[in-house]
Amino acid sequence: MTVCKGVIVFSAFILAVSGLPRPDTVLFKLDDGLRYQYVEDTDGGIHLADHWMTSEDFTRAARFDPDRQTVYHLFTRTNPTVSQPLLLGNNGLLGMTNYNARRRTIVLLHGWRVGADAQMNSLLVPAFLSAEDVNVIVVDWSAGAGDINYATAVANTVTGGANIL
């Protein structure tokens, strides 16, 4: 009887595993175009991007934890070149920064394959601060945006964006 039960358990295992998608199974396509396309990142770099998303890409996207991996950098006229870190849910730390709730707050988010040091931020932060006395928060979600697979980074925009709200 033990051999029979073993065969049944093994058969059930094989059936269950065979129902799982293989790592290279394409689950969806970002558009109807070609699978591989050249895409320009925020800083002008050109990358060959995969526009199809496989089950393995979903697994990589699931590893992005915006609560722990997103960094918020505060710039004000008092600290226009060196940021002050902000932590979600830490109001005590916020009180020790130059953040002023009476000022308008500008939030900047970089694009694919770059981080807080993206060229757009080095241009926009001083421009906003010279035009008006504002809080500028640069969101660094490079842990989610940095994946070479474009489709994975696109999937990470959902969890990353929800974290910012």
N, C-alpha and C. Protein backbone atom coordinates (compact mmCIF):
# COMPACT_ATOMS: atom_id res chain seq x y z
N MET A 1 0.82 -1.20 0.00
CA MET A 1 0.00 0.00 0.00
C MET A 1 0.86 1.26 0.00
N THR A 2 2.01 1.22 0.64
CA THR A 2 2.85 2.41 0.71
C THR A 2 3.34 2.83 -0.66
N VAL A 3 3.66 1.88 -1.51
CA VAL A 3 4.12 2.19 -2.86
C VAL A 3 2.98 2.86 -3.63
N CYS A 4 1.78 2.37 -3.46
CA CYS A 4 0.61 2.93 -4.16
C CYS A 4 0.36 4.37 -3.72
N LYS A 5 0.45 4.63 -2.40
CA LYS A 5 0.26 5.99 -1.89
C LYS A 5 1.37 6.90 -2.41
N GLY A 6 2.58 6.37 -2.45
CA GLY A 6 3.70 7.16 -2.97
C GLY A 6 3.50 7.54 -4.42
N VAL A 7 2.99 6.61 -5.22
CA VAL A 7 2.73 6.89 -6.64
C VAL A 7 1.64 7.94 -6.77
N ILE A 8 0.62 7.86 -5.94
CA ILE A 8 -0.48 8.83 -5.98
C ILE A 8 0.03 10.22 -5.59
N VAL A 9 0.81 10.29 -4.52
CA VAL A 9 1.36 11.58 -4.09
C VAL A 9 2.28 12.16 -5.16
N PHE A 10 3.15 11.31 -5.72
CA PHE A 10 4.05 11.76 -6.77
C PHE A 10 3.26 12.24 -7.99
N SER A 11 2.22 11.53 -8.38
CA SER A 11 1.39 11.92 -9.52
C SER A 11 0.68 13.24 -9.26
N ALA A 12 0.19 13.40 -8.03
CA ALA A 12 -0.47 14.66 -7.68
C ALA A 12 0.53 15.82 -7.74
N PHE A 13 1.75 15.57 -7.28
CA PHE A 13 2.79 16.59 -7.33
C PHE A 13 3.10 16.98 -8.78
N ILE A 14 3.25 16.01 -9.64
CA ILE A 14 3.55 16.27 -11.05
C ILE A 14 2.41 17.06 -11.69
N LEU A 15 1.18 16.70 -11.40
CA LEU A 15 0.04 17.45 -11.96
C LEU A 15 0.02 18.88 -11.46
N ALA A 16 0.30 19.08 -10.17
CA ALA A 16 0.30 20.43 -9.61
C ALA A 16 1.41 21.28 -10.21
N VAL A 17 2.60 20.71 -10.31
CA VAL A 17 3.73 21.45 -10.85
C VAL A 17 3.55 21.73 -12.34
N SER A 18 2.97 20.80 -13.06
CA SER A 18 2.80 21.01 -14.49
C SER A 18 1.80 22.11 -14.77
N GLY A 19 0.96 22.46 -13.80
CA GLY A 19 0.01 23.55 -13.97
C GLY A 19 0.63 24.91 -13.78
N LEU A 20 1.82 24.97 -13.18
CA LEU A 20 2.50 26.24 -12.97
C LEU A 20 3.15 26.70 -14.28
N PRO A 21 3.12 28.00 -14.53
CA PRO A 21 3.78 28.46 -15.76
C PRO A 21 5.29 28.32 -15.65
N ARG A 22 5.93 27.99 -16.76
CA ARG A 22 7.38 27.94 -16.80
C ARG A 22 7.93 29.35 -16.66
N PRO A 23 9.17 29.51 -16.19
CA PRO A 23 9.73 30.85 -16.01
C PRO A 23 9.74 31.69 -17.28
N ASP A 24 9.80 31.04 -18.44
CA ASP A 24 9.86 31.81 -19.68
C ASP A 24 8.49 31.94 -20.36
N THR A 25 7.42 31.57 -19.65
CA THR A 25 6.08 31.69 -20.21
C THR A 25 5.69 33.16 -20.28
N VAL A 26 5.31 33.63 -21.45
CA VAL A 26 4.90 35.02 -21.62
C VAL A 26 3.49 35.18 -21.09
N LEU A 27 3.32 36.08 -20.12
CA LEU A 27 2.02 36.29 -19.51
C LEU A 27 1.26 37.46 -20.13
N PHE A 28 1.98 38.51 -20.52
CA PHE A 28 1.33 39.59 -21.27
C PHE A 28 2.37 40.42 -21.99
N LYS A 29 1.85 41.21 -22.95
CA LYS A 29 2.71 42.07 -23.75
C LYS A 29 2.32 43.51 -23.46
N LEU A 30 3.31 44.40 -23.36
CA LEU A 30 3.02 45.80 -23.09
C LEU A 30 2.29 46.47 -24.24
N ASP A 31 2.59 46.04 -25.45
CA ASP A 31 1.91 46.59 -26.62
C ASP A 31 1.95 45.55 -27.73
N ASP A 32 1.38 45.90 -28.87
CA ASP A 32 1.32 44.96 -29.98
C ASP A 32 2.56 45.02 -30.87
N GLY A 33 3.55 45.83 -30.48
CA GLY A 33 4.76 45.98 -31.28
C GLY A 33 5.69 44.80 -31.11
N LEU A 34 6.91 45.02 -31.51
CA LEU A 34 7.95 44.00 -31.41
C LEU A 34 8.27 43.69 -29.96
N ARG A 35 8.76 42.49 -29.69
CA ARG A 35 9.10 42.12 -28.33
C ARG A 35 10.26 42.96 -27.81
N TYR A 36 11.32 43.09 -28.59
CA TYR A 36 12.49 43.85 -28.17
C TYR A 36 12.51 45.17 -28.92
N GLN A 37 12.58 46.25 -28.15
CA GLN A 37 12.60 47.59 -28.73
C GLN A 37 13.63 48.43 -27.99
N TYR A 38 14.21 49.37 -28.69
CA TYR A 38 15.13 50.30 -28.03
C TYR A 38 14.31 51.38 -27.34
N VAL A 39 14.66 51.64 -26.06
CA VAL A 39 13.94 52.61 -25.25
C VAL A 39 14.95 53.55 -24.63
N GLU A 40 14.61 54.83 -24.60
CA GLU A 40 15.48 55.83 -24.00
C GLU A 40 15.10 56.05 -22.55
N ASP A 41 16.10 56.04 -21.64
CA ASP A 41 15.80 56.32 -20.24
C ASP A 41 15.77 57.83 -20.01
N THR A 42 15.51 58.24 -18.78
CA THR A 42 15.36 59.65 -18.43
C THR A 42 16.60 60.47 -18.75
N ASP A 43 17.77 59.86 -18.64
CA ASP A 43 19.03 60.57 -18.88
C ASP A 43 19.54 60.45 -20.31
N GLY A 44 18.73 59.88 -21.19
CA GLY A 44 19.11 59.79 -22.58
C GLY A 44 19.83 58.51 -22.98
N GLY A 45 20.03 57.61 -22.03
CA GLY A 45 20.66 56.33 -22.35
C GLY A 45 19.71 55.45 -23.15
N ILE A 46 20.24 54.72 -24.11
CA ILE A 46 19.43 53.84 -24.96
C ILE A 46 19.64 52.39 -24.50
N HIS A 47 18.54 51.67 -24.31
CA HIS A 47 18.61 50.28 -23.84
C HIS A 47 17.68 49.42 -24.70
N LEU A 48 18.12 48.21 -24.97
CA LEU A 48 17.26 47.25 -25.64
C LEU A 48 16.33 46.67 -24.58
N ALA A 49 15.02 46.90 -24.74
CA ALA A 49 14.06 46.52 -23.71
C ALA A 49 13.15 45.41 -24.19
N ASP A 50 12.86 44.50 -23.29
CA ASP A 50 11.93 43.41 -23.54
C ASP A 50 10.54 43.90 -23.14
N HIS A 51 9.61 43.95 -24.08
CA HIS A 51 8.27 44.46 -23.83
C HIS A 51 7.26 43.35 -23.53
N TRP A 52 7.74 42.14 -23.39
CA TRP A 52 6.88 41.03 -23.00
C TRP A 52 7.21 40.68 -21.57
N MET A 53 6.21 40.31 -20.80
CA MET A 53 6.44 39.99 -19.40
C MET A 53 6.21 38.50 -19.17
N THR A 54 7.24 37.87 -18.63
CA THR A 54 7.17 36.44 -18.34
C THR A 54 6.85 36.24 -16.86
N SER A 55 6.58 35.00 -16.49
CA SER A 55 6.31 34.70 -15.08
C SER A 55 7.54 35.01 -14.21
N GLU A 56 8.72 34.84 -14.77
CA GLU A 56 9.95 35.19 -14.03
C GLU A 56 10.03 36.70 -13.76
N ASP A 57 9.58 37.50 -14.73
CA ASP A 57 9.56 38.95 -14.54
C ASP A 57 8.60 39.34 -13.42
N PHE A 58 7.46 38.66 -13.34
CA PHE A 58 6.52 38.92 -12.26
C PHE A 58 7.15 38.60 -10.91
N THR A 59 7.93 37.54 -10.86
CA THR A 59 8.61 37.17 -9.63
C THR A 59 9.58 38.26 -9.22
N ARG A 60 10.35 38.79 -10.18
CA ARG A 60 11.29 39.88 -9.88
C ARG A 60 10.54 41.12 -9.42
N ALA A 61 9.42 41.43 -10.07
CA ALA A 61 8.63 42.60 -9.69
C ALA A 61 8.08 42.45 -8.28
N ALA A 62 7.71 41.24 -7.90
CA ALA A 62 7.17 41.00 -6.56
C ALA A 62 8.22 41.22 -5.48
N ARG A 63 9.49 41.18 -5.83
CA ARG A 63 10.56 41.40 -4.84
C ARG A 63 10.72 42.87 -4.48
N PHE A 64 10.21 43.78 -5.29
CA PHE A 64 10.33 45.21 -5.02
C PHE A 64 9.38 45.57 -3.87
N ASP A 65 9.95 46.05 -2.78
CA ASP A 65 9.18 46.44 -1.60
C ASP A 65 9.33 47.95 -1.41
N PRO A 66 8.40 48.74 -1.94
CA PRO A 66 8.56 50.19 -1.87
C PRO A 66 8.57 50.74 -0.45
N ASP A 67 7.93 50.07 0.50
CA ASP A 67 7.95 50.54 1.88
C ASP A 67 9.37 50.57 2.44
N ARG A 68 10.18 49.62 2.03
CA ARG A 68 11.56 49.53 2.54
C ARG A 68 12.60 50.05 1.57
N GLN A 69 12.30 50.06 0.28
CA GLN A 69 13.33 50.36 -0.71
C GLN A 69 13.21 51.74 -1.36
N THR A 70 12.15 52.45 -1.09
CA THR A 70 12.00 53.80 -1.66
C THR A 70 12.57 54.81 -0.68
N VAL A 71 13.36 55.74 -1.20
CA VAL A 71 13.98 56.77 -0.37
C VAL A 71 13.45 58.13 -0.83
N TYR A 72 13.11 58.96 0.15
CA TYR A 72 12.57 60.29 -0.13
C TYR A 72 13.61 61.32 0.29
N HIS A 73 13.95 62.23 -0.64
CA HIS A 73 14.97 63.24 -0.38
C HIS A 73 14.31 64.62 -0.39
N LEU A 74 14.44 65.35 0.72
CA LEU A 74 13.86 66.69 0.84
C LEU A 74 14.91 67.75 0.53
N PHE A 75 14.56 68.66 -0.37
CA PHE A 75 15.38 69.84 -0.67
C PHE A 75 14.55 71.07 -0.39
N THR A 76 15.15 72.09 0.22
CA THR A 76 14.51 73.39 0.44
C THR A 76 15.54 74.47 0.14
N ARG A 77 15.15 75.71 0.26
CA ARG A 77 16.12 76.78 0.05
C ARG A 77 17.22 76.75 1.12
N THR A 78 16.92 76.18 2.28
CA THR A 78 17.93 76.05 3.33
C THR A 78 18.94 74.96 3.00
N ASN A 79 18.50 73.91 2.32
CA ASN A 79 19.39 72.81 1.91
C ASN A 79 19.15 72.50 0.42
N PRO A 80 19.62 73.40 -0.47
CA PRO A 80 19.32 73.23 -1.89
C PRO A 80 20.17 72.18 -2.62
N THR A 81 21.29 71.76 -2.04
CA THR A 81 22.16 70.82 -2.75
C THR A 81 22.35 69.48 -2.03
N VAL A 82 22.14 69.45 -0.72
CA VAL A 82 22.27 68.22 0.05
C VAL A 82 20.90 67.90 0.64
N SER A 83 20.38 66.72 0.29
CA SER A 83 19.02 66.38 0.73
C SER A 83 18.97 65.96 2.18
N GLN A 84 17.77 66.04 2.72
CA GLN A 84 17.49 65.49 4.04
C GLN A 84 16.57 64.29 3.81
N PRO A 85 16.91 63.12 4.39
CA PRO A 85 16.07 61.94 4.17
C PRO A 85 14.76 62.03 4.94
N LEU A 86 13.71 61.55 4.31
CA LEU A 86 12.40 61.46 4.95
C LEU A 86 12.01 59.99 5.01
N LEU A 87 11.46 59.57 6.13
CA LEU A 87 11.00 58.19 6.27
C LEU A 87 9.49 58.20 6.44
N LEU A 88 8.81 57.34 5.69
CA LEU A 88 7.36 57.26 5.81
C LEU A 88 6.96 56.87 7.22
N GLY A 89 5.97 57.59 7.75
CA GLY A 89 5.45 57.26 9.07
C GLY A 89 6.30 57.74 10.23
N ASN A 90 7.38 58.46 9.98
CA ASN A 90 8.25 58.94 11.05
C ASN A 90 8.09 60.46 11.15
N ASN A 91 7.03 60.88 11.85
CA ASN A 91 6.76 62.32 11.98
C ASN A 91 7.81 63.01 12.84
N GLY A 92 8.44 62.28 13.76
CA GLY A 92 9.49 62.86 14.58
C GLY A 92 10.67 63.30 13.74
N LEU A 93 11.04 62.48 12.77
CA LEU A 93 12.14 62.83 11.87
C LEU A 93 11.75 64.01 11.00
N LEU A 94 10.52 64.06 10.57
CA LEU A 94 10.04 65.16 9.72
C LEU A 94 10.20 66.49 10.45
N GLY A 95 9.95 66.49 11.75
CA GLY A 95 10.10 67.72 12.54
C GLY A 95 11.53 68.19 12.67
N MET A 96 12.49 67.30 12.39
CA MET A 96 13.91 67.69 12.48
C MET A 96 14.47 68.11 11.12
N THR A 97 13.62 68.18 10.10
CA THR A 97 14.08 68.59 8.77
C THR A 97 13.63 70.02 8.49
N ASN A 98 13.95 70.50 7.32
CA ASN A 98 13.56 71.84 6.90
C ASN A 98 12.18 71.86 6.24
N TYR A 99 11.45 70.76 6.30
CA TYR A 99 10.10 70.69 5.71
C TYR A 99 9.20 71.70 6.40
N ASN A 100 8.43 72.43 5.61
CA ASN A 100 7.48 73.41 6.13
C ASN A 100 6.12 73.13 5.49
N ALA A 101 5.16 72.71 6.28
CA ALA A 101 3.83 72.35 5.76
C ALA A 101 3.10 73.54 5.15
N ARG A 102 3.51 74.76 5.46
CA ARG A 102 2.85 75.95 4.87
C ARG A 102 3.33 76.22 3.44
N ARG A 103 4.43 75.58 3.06
CA ARG A 103 4.94 75.76 1.70
C ARG A 103 4.31 74.73 0.76
N ARG A 104 4.26 75.10 -0.49
CA ARG A 104 3.84 74.15 -1.52
C ARG A 104 4.91 73.06 -1.62
N THR A 105 4.49 71.83 -1.89
CA THR A 105 5.42 70.71 -2.00
C THR A 105 5.41 70.17 -3.42
N ILE A 106 6.57 70.07 -4.00
CA ILE A 106 6.76 69.52 -5.34
C ILE A 106 7.37 68.12 -5.17
N VAL A 107 6.79 67.14 -5.85
CA VAL A 107 7.30 65.77 -5.78
C VAL A 107 7.82 65.39 -7.17
N LEU A 108 9.08 64.95 -7.23
CA LEU A 108 9.70 64.56 -8.49
C LEU A 108 9.99 63.06 -8.48
N LEU A 109 9.61 62.39 -9.55
CA LEU A 109 9.86 60.95 -9.69
C LEU A 109 10.66 60.72 -10.95
N HIS A 110 11.75 60.00 -10.81
CA HIS A 110 12.61 59.68 -11.95
C HIS A 110 11.97 58.57 -12.78
N GLY A 111 12.58 58.29 -13.89
CA GLY A 111 12.08 57.26 -14.79
C GLY A 111 12.88 55.97 -14.72
N TRP A 112 12.76 55.21 -15.77
CA TRP A 112 13.34 53.88 -15.88
C TRP A 112 14.86 53.94 -15.93
N ARG A 113 15.50 53.04 -15.21
CA ARG A 113 16.95 52.79 -15.21
C ARG A 113 17.79 53.90 -14.58
N VAL A 114 17.18 54.87 -13.91
CA VAL A 114 17.95 55.92 -13.24
C VAL A 114 17.47 56.02 -11.78
N GLY A 115 18.05 56.93 -11.02
CA GLY A 115 17.68 57.10 -9.63
C GLY A 115 17.53 58.56 -9.27
N ALA A 116 17.67 58.86 -8.00
CA ALA A 116 17.50 60.23 -7.51
C ALA A 116 18.51 61.18 -8.14
N ASP A 117 19.65 60.65 -8.56
CA ASP A 117 20.69 61.49 -9.17
C ASP A 117 20.47 61.69 -10.67
N ALA A 118 19.27 61.38 -11.15
CA ALA A 118 18.96 61.57 -12.57
C ALA A 118 19.15 63.02 -12.98
N GLN A 119 19.53 63.20 -14.20
CA GLN A 119 19.79 64.54 -14.72
C GLN A 119 18.60 65.47 -14.54
N MET A 120 17.39 64.96 -14.71
CA MET A 120 16.19 65.81 -14.57
C MET A 120 16.13 66.44 -13.19
N ASN A 121 16.52 65.68 -12.14
CA ASN A 121 16.46 66.22 -10.79
C ASN A 121 17.51 67.30 -10.57
N SER A 122 18.70 67.12 -11.14
CA SER A 122 19.75 68.12 -10.97
C SER A 122 19.39 69.43 -11.68
N LEU A 123 18.46 69.36 -12.62
CA LEU A 123 17.99 70.57 -13.30
C LEU A 123 16.74 71.15 -12.63
N LEU A 124 15.81 70.28 -12.25
CA LEU A 124 14.52 70.75 -11.73
C LEU A 124 14.58 71.25 -10.28
N VAL A 125 15.34 70.59 -9.42
CA VAL A 125 15.39 71.01 -8.02
C VAL A 125 15.85 72.46 -7.90
N PRO A 126 17.00 72.85 -8.47
CA PRO A 126 17.40 74.26 -8.36
C PRO A 126 16.42 75.22 -9.05
N ALA A 127 15.81 74.77 -10.14
CA ALA A 127 14.85 75.64 -10.84
C ALA A 127 13.63 75.93 -9.97
N PHE A 128 13.08 74.91 -9.33
CA PHE A 128 11.93 75.13 -8.45
C PHE A 128 12.31 76.00 -7.26
N LEU A 129 13.47 75.73 -6.65
CA LEU A 129 13.87 76.48 -5.47
C LEU A 129 14.21 77.93 -5.79
N SER A 130 14.71 78.21 -6.97
CA SER A 130 15.00 79.61 -7.32
C SER A 130 13.73 80.36 -7.68
N ALA A 131 12.72 79.66 -8.18
CA ALA A 131 11.47 80.31 -8.58
C ALA A 131 10.55 80.59 -7.39
N GLU A 132 10.61 79.71 -6.37
CA GLU A 132 9.64 79.82 -5.28
C GLU A 132 10.20 79.11 -4.05
N ASP A 133 9.79 79.56 -2.87
CA ASP A 133 10.19 78.90 -1.62
C ASP A 133 9.28 77.70 -1.40
N VAL A 134 9.74 76.53 -1.83
CA VAL A 134 8.93 75.31 -1.80
C VAL A 134 9.71 74.18 -1.13
N ASN A 135 8.99 73.12 -0.80
CA ASN A 135 9.60 71.84 -0.42
C ASN A 135 9.69 71.03 -1.71
N VAL A 136 10.84 70.50 -2.01
CA VAL A 136 10.98 69.61 -3.17
C VAL A 136 11.37 68.24 -2.64
N ILE A 137 10.53 67.25 -2.93
CA ILE A 137 10.82 65.88 -2.51
C ILE A 137 11.14 65.06 -3.76
N VAL A 138 12.36 64.54 -3.79
CA VAL A 138 12.80 63.67 -4.88
C VAL A 138 12.62 62.23 -4.40
N VAL A 139 11.80 61.50 -5.12
CA VAL A 139 11.52 60.11 -4.77
C VAL A 139 12.50 59.21 -5.51
N ASP A 140 13.25 58.43 -4.76
CA ASP A 140 14.20 57.48 -5.35
C ASP A 140 13.61 56.08 -5.23
N TRP A 141 13.03 55.63 -6.33
CA TRP A 141 12.47 54.27 -6.37
C TRP A 141 13.29 53.41 -7.33
N SER A 142 14.60 53.68 -7.37
CA SER A 142 15.49 52.98 -8.30
C SER A 142 15.51 51.47 -8.08
N ALA A 143 15.18 51.01 -6.88
CA ALA A 143 15.12 49.56 -6.65
C ALA A 143 14.03 48.92 -7.51
N GLY A 144 13.00 49.67 -7.84
CA GLY A 144 11.94 49.16 -8.71
C GLY A 144 12.10 49.57 -10.16
N ALA A 145 12.71 50.72 -10.39
CA ALA A 145 12.85 51.25 -11.75
C ALA A 145 14.10 50.75 -12.45
N GLY A 146 15.03 50.18 -11.70
CA GLY A 146 16.33 49.85 -12.26
C GLY A 146 16.41 48.54 -13.02
N ASP A 147 15.35 47.76 -13.03
CA ASP A 147 15.41 46.46 -13.71
C ASP A 147 15.62 46.66 -15.20
N ILE A 148 16.53 45.92 -15.80
CA ILE A 148 16.79 46.04 -17.23
C ILE A 148 15.58 45.62 -18.05
N ASN A 149 14.74 44.75 -17.48
CA ASN A 149 13.52 44.36 -18.18
C ASN A 149 12.49 45.47 -18.00
N TYR A 150 12.16 46.12 -19.10
CA TYR A 150 11.25 47.26 -19.07
C TYR A 150 9.89 46.88 -18.50
N ALA A 151 9.39 45.71 -18.85
CA ALA A 151 8.07 45.27 -18.37
C ALA A 151 8.06 45.11 -16.86
N THR A 152 9.14 44.65 -16.27
CA THR A 152 9.22 44.52 -14.82
C THR A 152 9.18 45.89 -14.17
N ALA A 153 9.93 46.83 -14.71
CA ALA A 153 9.91 48.19 -14.17
C ALA A 153 8.52 48.81 -14.29
N VAL A 154 7.84 48.56 -15.40
CA VAL A 154 6.48 49.07 -15.57
C VAL A 154 5.57 48.48 -14.50
N ALA A 155 5.69 47.19 -14.23
CA ALA A 155 4.87 46.56 -13.19
C ALA A 155 5.18 47.18 -11.82
N ASN A 156 6.42 47.56 -11.59
CA ASN A 156 6.79 48.16 -10.31
C ASN A 156 6.25 49.57 -10.14
N THR A 157 5.83 50.23 -11.21
CA THR A 157 5.25 51.56 -11.07
C THR A 157 3.95 51.51 -10.29
N VAL A 158 3.24 50.41 -10.35
CA VAL A 158 1.96 50.29 -9.65
C VAL A 158 2.19 50.29 -8.14
N THR A 159 3.03 49.39 -7.64
CA THR A 159 3.28 49.34 -6.20
C THR A 159 4.07 50.56 -5.74
N GLY A 160 5.00 51.01 -6.56
CA GLY A 160 5.77 52.19 -6.20
C GLY A 160 4.91 53.44 -6.12
N GLY A 161 4.01 53.61 -7.08
CA GLY A 161 3.12 54.77 -7.07
C GLY A 161 2.14 54.75 -5.91
N ALA A 162 1.61 53.58 -5.59
CA ALA A 162 0.68 53.46 -4.46
C ALA A 162 1.38 53.83 -3.15
N ASN A 163 2.66 53.55 -3.06
CA ASN A 163 3.42 53.86 -1.86
C ASN A 163 3.58 55.36 -1.67
N ILE A 164 3.63 56.09 -2.74
CA ILE A 164 3.83 57.54 -2.69
C ILE A 164 2.57 58.26 -2.23
N LEU A 165 1.43 57.74 -2.62
CA LEU A 165 0.16 58.37 -2.23
C LEU A 165 0.02 58.29 -0.75
